């Protein structure tokens, strides 16, 4: 108690000043209706400002959960669209009824799985992405990986029980075909290791007349049509003037990759078996 009294004696001037200042402010605030209204509006504005900031902070920390929910929802919608696209492509009364009432995913050509990036690299020549979905979630090798807005990321090359590894387009060993959007003119994609935001496109037909800004889509049995790789920054004829080559700005920002969709082509095993049979046949002939 003695120490408390000694402490108050030391700062009594400050305490007295604060007390008198508080009384003065209160007297001013209640002196006229105008000052009351002004102070009320100021305090309300300050309260609203801090409330908005706190709400924004809460929203920021909840974004991860919201993004996961949206990715799952997009996968469900893509699944529904895939079912309707296949019904339209194979229109018959029997096929329509069968697919309309079917819950069997094997009836669909493409199946979508939501996933999230656990870790990745973008500064190496051989970059890889680790995803938080594995065999127990239905993930297999050679499945495609895209963003929720259908931009190309890469494809699965290795799978464990809980995780999978994808090779992104920014890997010097990445191989996939492409085509000019809205055309059947094909090309080849490759990455030279210089920039994580650009890839090279080669073997573009001279009849295609490529221009800056044109979109290049993925051309692969792993993916459905309409998956965008990027847009042409510049293009030029090769030395022999037999084809165009182009510099492509990727549609996806690899450094900000988070939520993705893994795409399964349910017919891929059949395609793979056909290619194996052809390879065995050619080896037998040799």
Protein backbone atom coordinates (compact mmCIF):
# COMPACT_ATOMS: atom_id res chain seq x y z
CA UNK A 1 0.00 0.00 0.00
CA UNK A 2 2.85 2.35 0.88
CA UNK A 3 4.48 1.73 -2.53
CA UNK A 4 1.19 2.43 -4.30
CA UNK A 5 0.83 5.76 -2.49
CA UNK A 6 4.43 6.66 -3.35
CA UNK A 7 3.76 5.84 -7.02
CA UNK A 8 0.60 8.00 -7.06
CA UNK A 9 2.52 10.90 -5.50
CA UNK A 10 5.05 10.71 -8.32
CA UNK A 11 2.46 10.87 -11.10
CA UNK A 12 -0.31 12.86 -9.41
CA UNK A 13 0.31 15.81 -11.74
CA UNK A 14 -0.31 13.62 -14.79
CA UNK A 15 -3.39 12.07 -13.20
CA UNK A 16 -4.76 15.49 -12.28
CA UNK A 17 -4.15 16.72 -15.85
CA UNK A 18 -5.97 13.73 -17.35
CA UNK A 19 -8.88 14.18 -14.96
CA UNK A 20 -9.26 17.87 -15.76
CA UNK A 21 -8.85 17.18 -19.47
CA UNK A 22 -11.59 14.56 -19.32
CA UNK A 23 -13.93 16.94 -17.49
CA UNK A 24 -13.23 19.66 -20.07
CA UNK A 25 -13.91 17.35 -23.01
CA UNK A 26 -17.12 16.10 -21.39
CA UNK A 27 -18.29 19.68 -20.73
CA UNK A 28 -17.52 20.60 -24.36
CA UNK A 29 -19.24 17.52 -25.71
CA UNK A 30 -22.46 18.20 -23.80
CA UNK A 31 -22.46 21.98 -24.10
CA UNK A 32 -24.62 22.19 -27.27
CA UNK A 33 -26.62 19.79 -29.48
CA UNK A 34 -24.26 20.64 -32.37
CA UNK A 35 -21.12 19.46 -30.54
CA UNK A 36 -22.94 16.31 -29.39
CA UNK A 37 -23.89 15.50 -32.98
CA UNK A 38 -20.37 16.17 -34.28
CA UNK A 39 -18.71 13.98 -31.66
CA UNK A 40 -21.28 11.23 -32.14
CA UNK A 41 -20.67 11.21 -35.91
CA UNK A 42 -16.90 11.12 -35.36
CA UNK A 43 -17.04 8.25 -32.88
CA UNK A 44 -19.47 6.36 -35.13
CA UNK A 45 -17.13 6.80 -38.10
CA UNK A 46 -14.14 5.62 -36.06
CA UNK A 47 -16.10 2.64 -34.77
CA UNK A 48 -17.15 1.75 -38.32
CA UNK A 49 -13.56 2.08 -39.56
CA UNK A 50 -12.16 -0.29 -36.92
CA UNK A 51 -15.09 -2.67 -37.35
CA UNK A 52 -14.40 -2.83 -41.11
CA UNK A 53 -10.70 -3.51 -40.51
CA UNK A 54 -11.48 -6.31 -38.06
CA UNK A 55 -13.99 -7.81 -40.50
CA UNK A 56 -11.42 -7.68 -43.31
CA UNK A 57 -8.86 -9.44 -41.11
CA UNK A 58 -11.37 -12.18 -40.23
CA UNK A 59 -12.28 -12.53 -43.91
CA UNK A 60 -8.60 -12.80 -44.89
CA UNK A 61 -7.99 -15.69 -42.50
CA UNK A 62 -11.16 -17.44 -43.71
CA UNK A 63 -10.20 -17.20 -47.41
CA UNK A 64 -8.40 -20.55 -47.39
CA UNK A 65 -11.51 -22.41 -46.28
CA UNK A 66 -13.68 -20.49 -48.74
CA UNK A 67 -11.30 -21.27 -51.62
CA UNK A 68 -11.36 -24.99 -50.76
CA UNK A 69 -15.15 -24.94 -50.68
CA UNK A 70 -15.32 -23.12 -54.03
CA UNK A 71 -12.87 -25.58 -55.62
CA UNK A 72 -14.99 -28.52 -54.47
CA UNK A 73 -18.07 -26.80 -55.83
CA UNK A 74 -16.38 -26.16 -59.19
CA UNK A 75 -15.41 -29.84 -59.39
CA UNK A 76 -19.04 -30.82 -58.77
CA UNK A 77 -20.29 -28.39 -61.43
CA UNK A 78 -17.70 -29.62 -63.95
CA UNK A 79 -18.89 -33.16 -63.23
CA UNK A 80 -22.49 -32.14 -63.91
CA UNK A 81 -21.51 -30.34 -67.12
CA UNK A 82 -19.50 -33.36 -68.25
CA UNK A 83 -22.54 -35.60 -67.78
CA UNK A 84 -24.73 -33.22 -69.80
CA UNK A 85 -22.11 -32.81 -72.56
CA UNK A 86 -21.87 -36.57 -72.97
CA UNK A 87 -25.65 -36.93 -73.07
CA UNK A 88 -25.82 -34.34 -75.85
CA UNK A 89 -22.95 -35.94 -77.76
CA UNK A 90 -24.52 -39.40 -77.51
CA UNK A 91 -28.14 -38.44 -77.82
CA UNK A 92 -30.58 -41.31 -77.85
CA UNK A 93 -33.54 -41.94 -75.63
CA UNK A 94 -31.94 -44.97 -73.99
CA UNK A 95 -28.56 -43.28 -73.47
CA UNK A 96 -30.24 -40.17 -72.11
CA UNK A 97 -32.27 -42.12 -69.54
CA UNK A 98 -29.27 -44.28 -68.56
CA UNK A 99 -26.93 -41.35 -67.89
CA UNK A 100 -29.60 -39.12 -66.39
CA UNK A 101 -30.32 -41.69 -63.67
CA UNK A 102 -26.77 -42.98 -63.30
CA UNK A 103 -24.56 -42.18 -60.32
CA UNK A 104 -21.72 -44.31 -61.67
CA UNK A 105 -18.67 -42.11 -62.32
CA UNK A 106 -17.30 -44.70 -64.74
CA UNK A 107 -20.08 -43.71 -67.17
CA UNK A 108 -18.38 -40.30 -67.53
CA UNK A 109 -15.45 -39.53 -69.80
CA UNK A 110 -13.83 -37.06 -67.38
CA UNK A 111 -13.94 -36.97 -63.58
CA UNK A 112 -12.76 -33.97 -61.53
CA UNK A 113 -11.08 -34.12 -58.11
CA UNK A 114 -10.45 -30.96 -56.05
CA UNK A 115 -6.94 -30.70 -54.57
CA UNK A 116 -4.63 -28.19 -52.96
CA UNK A 117 -0.94 -27.47 -53.47
CA UNK A 118 1.08 -28.71 -50.48
CA UNK A 119 4.41 -27.43 -51.86
CA UNK A 120 6.10 -26.67 -55.17
CA UNK A 121 9.17 -25.18 -56.84
CA UNK A 122 9.37 -22.70 -59.72
CA UNK A 123 13.07 -21.74 -59.80
CA UNK A 124 14.59 -25.03 -61.00
CA UNK A 125 14.90 -26.63 -64.41
CA UNK A 126 12.88 -29.61 -63.16
CA UNK A 127 10.07 -28.21 -61.05
CA UNK A 128 7.46 -30.34 -59.28
CA UNK A 129 4.19 -29.78 -57.44
CA UNK A 130 3.08 -31.85 -54.43
CA UNK A 131 -0.70 -32.10 -54.08
CA UNK A 132 -2.65 -33.16 -50.97
CA UNK A 133 -4.58 -35.94 -52.73
CA UNK A 134 -3.37 -39.50 -53.34
CA UNK A 135 -4.43 -43.06 -54.14
CA UNK A 136 -7.00 -43.20 -51.36
CA UNK A 137 -8.72 -40.21 -53.01
CA UNK A 138 -8.81 -41.92 -56.41
CA UNK A 139 -5.75 -40.18 -57.90
CA UNK A 140 -3.62 -42.06 -60.46
CA UNK A 141 -0.62 -41.39 -62.67
CA UNK A 142 -1.18 -39.50 -65.91
CA UNK A 143 -4.17 -37.54 -64.67
CA UNK A 144 -4.20 -33.92 -65.82
CA UNK A 145 -3.97 -30.96 -63.44
CA UNK A 146 -5.74 -27.66 -64.18
CA UNK A 147 -6.87 -24.56 -62.29
CA UNK A 148 -10.57 -24.12 -61.39
CA UNK A 149 -10.89 -21.69 -64.33
CA UNK A 150 -9.53 -24.34 -66.75
CA UNK A 151 -5.93 -23.23 -67.24
CA UNK A 152 -3.20 -25.84 -67.69
CA UNK A 153 -0.94 -26.71 -64.74
CA UNK A 154 0.56 -30.12 -65.66
CA UNK A 155 -0.05 -33.82 -65.08
CA UNK A 156 0.43 -36.41 -62.33
CA UNK A 157 3.64 -38.47 -62.51
CA UNK A 158 3.76 -40.16 -59.09
CA UNK A 159 1.21 -41.09 -56.41
CA UNK A 160 1.38 -42.24 -52.78
CA UNK A 161 -1.45 -43.05 -50.39
CA UNK A 162 -2.12 -39.44 -49.34
CA UNK A 163 -0.15 -37.31 -51.81
CA UNK A 164 0.66 -37.02 -55.49
CA UNK A 165 3.40 -35.30 -57.50
CA UNK A 166 2.59 -33.32 -60.64
CA UNK A 167 5.01 -32.24 -63.34
CA UNK A 168 4.08 -28.66 -64.24
CA UNK A 169 4.47 -27.09 -67.65
CA UNK A 170 7.54 -25.25 -66.27
CA UNK A 171 9.67 -28.40 -66.27
CA UNK A 172 12.22 -29.00 -69.02
CA UNK A 173 11.01 -32.62 -69.31
CA UNK A 174 7.36 -31.64 -69.69
CA UNK A 175 5.81 -32.89 -72.94
CA UNK A 176 2.36 -32.08 -74.28
CA UNK A 177 0.77 -30.98 -77.51
CA UNK A 178 -1.20 -27.82 -78.04
CA UNK A 179 -3.52 -26.29 -80.59
CA UNK A 180 -4.59 -22.81 -81.56
CA UNK A 181 -7.90 -22.01 -79.90
CA UNK A 182 -10.98 -22.65 -82.05
CA UNK A 183 -8.90 -24.43 -84.71
CA UNK A 184 -7.41 -27.87 -85.40
CA UNK A 185 -3.89 -26.53 -85.99
CA UNK A 186 -1.64 -28.38 -83.58
CA UNK A 187 1.76 -27.48 -82.11
CA UNK A 188 4.22 -28.62 -79.46
CA UNK A 189 4.92 -27.10 -76.04
CA UNK A 190 8.32 -26.93 -74.38
CA UNK A 191 9.95 -24.94 -71.59
CA UNK A 192 13.51 -23.66 -71.89
CA UNK A 193 13.96 -22.89 -68.18
CA UNK A 194 14.30 -19.12 -68.57
CA UNK A 195 11.01 -17.78 -67.21
CA UNK A 196 8.33 -19.33 -64.95
CA UNK A 197 5.69 -17.30 -66.79
CA UNK A 198 6.55 -18.20 -70.42
CA UNK A 199 6.90 -21.35 -72.53
CA UNK A 200 7.90 -21.88 -76.16
CA UNK A 201 5.58 -23.21 -78.85
CA UNK A 202 7.01 -24.83 -81.97
CA UNK A 203 5.75 -26.47 -85.17
CA UNK A 204 2.77 -24.17 -85.69
CA UNK A 205 1.44 -24.61 -89.22
CA UNK A 206 2.07 -21.76 -91.68
CA UNK A 207 -1.60 -22.02 -92.67
CA UNK A 208 -2.77 -21.18 -89.15
CA UNK A 209 -1.66 -17.50 -89.35
CA UNK A 210 -0.94 -17.11 -85.61
CA UNK A 211 -1.11 -13.62 -84.12
CA UNK A 212 -0.20 -11.98 -80.83
CA UNK A 213 -2.88 -12.52 -78.18
CA UNK A 214 -4.20 -15.77 -79.67
CA UNK A 215 -4.87 -18.52 -77.11
CA UNK A 216 -3.16 -21.90 -77.19
CA UNK A 217 -5.11 -24.81 -75.69
CA UNK A 218 -3.82 -28.15 -74.40
CA UNK A 219 -4.05 -31.01 -76.89
CA UNK A 220 -3.82 -34.19 -74.83
CA UNK A 221 -5.76 -37.36 -74.12
CA UNK A 222 -5.38 -36.51 -70.41
CA UNK A 223 -7.55 -33.40 -70.64
CA UNK A 224 -10.88 -32.26 -72.07
CA UNK A 225 -10.97 -29.61 -74.78
CA UNK A 226 -10.87 -25.96 -73.81
CA UNK A 227 -8.02 -26.06 -71.26
CA UNK A 228 -5.97 -22.91 -71.96
CA UNK A 229 -2.17 -23.01 -71.79
CA UNK A 230 -1.58 -19.33 -72.46
CA UNK A 231 -1.59 -16.52 -75.01
CA UNK A 232 0.95 -15.71 -77.72
CA UNK A 233 3.31 -12.83 -76.87
CA UNK A 234 5.19 -12.96 -80.17
CA UNK A 235 5.60 -15.36 -83.07
CA UNK A 236 7.89 -15.73 -86.08
CA UNK A 237 8.67 -18.08 -88.96
CA UNK A 238 11.52 -20.51 -88.47
CA UNK A 239 14.68 -20.28 -90.60
CA UNK A 240 13.35 -22.75 -93.18
CA UNK A 241 9.99 -20.91 -93.29
CA UNK A 242 8.16 -24.21 -92.86
CA UNK A 243 6.47 -23.46 -89.52
CA UNK A 244 5.96 -20.77 -86.90
CA UNK A 245 7.43 -20.70 -83.42
CA UNK A 246 5.98 -18.55 -80.66
CA UNK A 247 6.61 -17.23 -77.18
CA UNK A 248 3.64 -18.02 -74.95
CA UNK A 249 2.65 -16.23 -71.75
CA UNK A 250 1.16 -18.82 -69.39
CA UNK A 251 -2.46 -18.32 -68.38
CA UNK A 252 -1.71 -19.48 -64.81
CA UNK A 253 0.59 -17.71 -62.35
CA UNK A 254 2.64 -20.62 -61.02
CA UNK A 255 3.98 -18.58 -58.10
CA UNK A 256 0.45 -18.07 -56.75
CA UNK A 257 -0.91 -21.57 -57.35
CA UNK A 258 -3.11 -22.93 -54.54
CA UNK A 259 -6.34 -24.77 -55.38
CA UNK A 260 -6.42 -27.04 -58.45
CA UNK A 261 -8.55 -29.69 -60.12
CA UNK A 262 -7.15 -33.12 -60.98
CA UNK A 263 -8.80 -34.50 -64.12
CA UNK A 264 -9.20 -38.20 -64.83
CA UNK A 265 -9.87 -39.44 -68.35
CA UNK A 266 -11.72 -42.69 -67.62
CA UNK A 267 -10.77 -43.94 -71.11
CA UNK A 268 -7.05 -43.33 -70.61
CA UNK A 269 -6.32 -46.97 -69.68
CA UNK A 270 -7.81 -48.09 -72.99
CA UNK A 271 -5.68 -45.57 -74.91
CA UNK A 272 -2.57 -46.60 -72.98
CA UNK A 273 -3.19 -50.28 -73.76
CA UNK A 274 -3.53 -49.51 -77.48
CA UNK A 275 -0.24 -47.61 -77.49
CA UNK A 276 1.51 -50.44 -75.60
CA UNK A 277 0.22 -52.96 -78.13
CA UNK A 278 1.53 -50.85 -81.02
CA UNK A 279 4.93 -50.46 -79.32
CA UNK A 280 5.16 -54.24 -78.71
CA UNK A 281 4.20 -54.92 -82.32
CA UNK A 282 6.90 -52.59 -83.63
CA UNK A 283 9.53 -54.13 -81.33
CA UNK A 284 8.55 -57.60 -82.57
CA UNK A 285 9.03 -56.52 -86.19
CA UNK A 286 12.51 -55.19 -85.38
